Amino acid sequence: MLNPSLITSEKPLKAKIKAISGAVAKIALSDGQNLDVNVKYLPKGVTTGDMVYISMVSDKQLNLGRQEIARAVLDEILG
């Protein structure tokens, strides 16, 4: 599992959990859009009314981040 603190977008979307019903959370984005998300993608302990941030990254950003992490780990190991 990728650590979300390592890979984040420059413009996270602010969102509010409007309702949770079964495995689906209804989320209202700050720009007025709404979306349904499976609760397995929500942070643990999130409940109706909580604010969350949605961060999106491209494949390129994700791979670059992984390369930077691998390089940092190797630098730490090799000194």
C-alpha atoms as a PDB file:
ATOM      1  CA  MET A   1       0.000   0.000   0.000  1.00  0.00           C
ATOM      2  CA  LEU A   2       1.365   3.385  -1.008  1.00  0.00           C
ATOM      3  CA  ASN A   3       1.829   5.919   1.768  1.00  0.00           C
ATOM      4  CA  PRO A   4      -0.488   8.829   0.841  1.00  0.00           C
ATOM      5  CA  SER A   5       1.772  11.367   2.537  1.00  0.00           C
ATOM      6  CA  LEU A   6       4.451  10.620  -0.059  1.00  0.00           C
ATOM      7  CA  ILE A   7       2.390  11.082  -3.225  1.00  0.00           C
ATOM      8  CA  THR A   8      -0.140  13.928  -3.321  1.00  0.00           C
ATOM      9  CA  SER A   9      -1.512  16.213  -5.970  1.00  0.00           C
ATOM     10  CA  GLU A  10      -0.849  19.935  -5.992  1.00  0.00           C
ATOM     11  CA  LYS A  11      -4.584  20.690  -5.940  1.00  0.00           C
ATOM     12  CA  PRO A  12      -6.485  18.378  -3.600  1.00  0.00           C
ATOM     13  CA  LEU A  13     -10.274  18.635  -3.774  1.00  0.00           C
ATOM     14  CA  LYS A  14     -12.037  19.519  -0.541  1.00  0.00           C
ATOM     15  CA  ALA A  15     -15.100  17.344  -0.027  1.00  0.00           C
ATOM     16  CA  LYS A  16     -17.752  16.607   2.583  1.00  0.00           C
ATOM     17  CA  ILE A  17     -19.148  13.187   3.381  1.00  0.00           C
ATOM     18  CA  LYS A  18     -22.884  13.757   2.921  1.00  0.00           C
ATOM     19  CA  ALA A  19     -24.075  10.218   3.696  1.00  0.00           C
ATOM     20  CA  ILE A  20     -22.848   6.680   4.100  1.00  0.00           C
ATOM     21  CA  SER A  21     -25.195   3.863   3.171  1.00  0.00           C
ATOM     22  CA  GLY A  22     -23.847   0.343   3.193  1.00  0.00           C
ATOM     23  CA  ALA A  23     -20.690   0.270   1.094  1.00  0.00           C
ATOM     24  CA  VAL A  24     -21.318   3.634  -0.600  1.00  0.00           C
ATOM     25  CA  ALA A  25     -20.420   7.124   0.580  1.00  0.00           C
ATOM     26  CA  LYS A  26     -22.092  10.129  -1.037  1.00  0.00           C
ATOM     27  CA  ILE A  27     -19.531  12.905  -1.275  1.00  0.00           C
ATOM     28  CA  ALA A  28     -20.076  16.583  -2.140  1.00  0.00           C
ATOM     29  CA  LEU A  29     -17.062  18.330  -3.671  1.00  0.00           C
ATOM     30  CA  SER A  30     -16.327  21.976  -2.913  1.00  0.00           C
ATOM     31  CA  ASP A  31     -17.126  22.915  -6.531  1.00  0.00           C
ATOM     32  CA  GLY A  32     -20.689  21.570  -6.238  1.00  0.00           C
ATOM     33  CA  GLN A  33     -20.162  18.191  -7.905  1.00  0.00           C
ATOM     34  CA  ASN A  34     -21.295  15.010  -6.181  1.00  0.00           C
ATOM     35  CA  LEU A  35     -19.919  11.520  -6.413  1.00  0.00           C
ATOM     36  CA  ASP A  36     -20.457   8.086  -4.929  1.00  0.00           C
ATOM     37  CA  VAL A  37     -17.393   6.275  -3.599  1.00  0.00           C
ATOM     38  CA  ASN A  38     -16.992   2.819  -2.122  1.00  0.00           C
ATOM     39  CA  VAL A  39     -16.279   3.218   1.604  1.00  0.00           C
ATOM     40  CA  LYS A  40     -13.161   1.045   1.279  1.00  0.00           C
ATOM     41  CA  TYR A  41     -11.443   4.099  -0.261  1.00  0.00           C
ATOM     42  CA  LEU A  42     -12.261   6.405   2.664  1.00  0.00           C
ATOM     43  CA  PRO A  43      -9.892   7.052   5.561  1.00  0.00           C
ATOM     44  CA  LYS A  44     -10.611   4.882   8.596  1.00  0.00           C
ATOM     45  CA  GLY A  45     -13.097   6.407  11.024  1.00  0.00           C
ATOM     46  CA  VAL A  46     -14.651   8.887   8.575  1.00  0.00           C
ATOM     47  CA  THR A  47     -18.327   9.532   9.270  1.00  0.00           C
ATOM     48  CA  THR A  48     -21.154  11.579   7.788  1.00  0.00           C
ATOM     49  CA  GLY A  49     -20.384  15.296   7.999  1.00  0.00           C
ATOM     50  CA  ASP A  50     -16.602  14.885   8.000  1.00  0.00           C
ATOM     51  CA  MET A  51     -14.451  16.876   5.573  1.00  0.00           C
ATOM     52  CA  VAL A  52     -11.934  14.968   3.448  1.00  0.00           C
ATOM     53  CA  TYR A  53      -9.473  15.865   0.711  1.00  0.00           C
ATOM     54  CA  ILE A  54      -9.273  13.996  -2.580  1.00  0.00           C
ATOM     55  CA  SER A  55      -5.865  13.954  -4.205  1.00  0.00           C
ATOM     56  CA  MET A  56      -5.283  12.790  -7.781  1.00  0.00           C
ATOM     57  CA  VAL A  57      -1.996  11.919  -9.415  1.00  0.00           C
ATOM     58  CA  SER A  58      -1.106  10.757 -12.900  1.00  0.00           C
ATOM     59  CA  ASP A  59       0.713   7.510 -13.643  1.00  0.00           C
ATOM     60  CA  LYS A  60       3.792   9.588 -14.434  1.00  0.00           C
ATOM     61  CA  GLN A  61       3.677  11.331 -11.040  1.00  0.00           C
ATOM     62  CA  LEU A  62       3.113   8.053  -9.240  1.00  0.00           C
ATOM     63  CA  ASN A  63       6.047   6.351 -10.967  1.00  0.00           C
ATOM     64  CA  LEU A  64       8.305   9.355 -10.368  1.00  0.00           C
ATOM     65  CA  GLY A  65       7.355   9.296  -6.692  1.00  0.00           C
ATOM     66  CA  ARG A  66       8.164   5.598  -6.463  1.00  0.00           C
ATOM     67  CA  GLN A  67      11.543   6.200  -8.090  1.00  0.00           C
ATOM     68  CA  GLU A  68      12.318   8.965  -5.595  1.00  0.00           C
ATOM     69  CA  ILE A  69      11.345   6.714  -2.692  1.00  0.00           C
ATOM     70  CA  ALA A  70      13.494   3.861  -4.019  1.00  0.00           C
ATOM     71  CA  ARG A  71      16.430   6.229  -4.482  1.00  0.00           C
ATOM     72  CA  ALA A  72      16.040   7.564  -0.929  1.00  0.00           C
ATOM     73  CA  VAL A  73      15.931   4.030   0.480  1.00  0.00           C
ATOM     74  CA  LEU A  74      19.057   3.043  -1.458  1.00  0.00           C
ATOM     75  CA  ASP A  75      20.857   6.208  -0.329  1.00  0.00           C
ATOM     76  CA  GLU A  76      19.975   5.368   3.274  1.00  0.00           C
ATOM     77  CA  ILE A  77      21.181   1.773   2.925  1.00  0.00           C
ATOM     78  CA  LEU A  78      24.380   2.592   1.037  1.00  0.00           C
ATOM     79  CA  GLY A  79      25.123   5.691   3.089  1.00  0.00           C
END
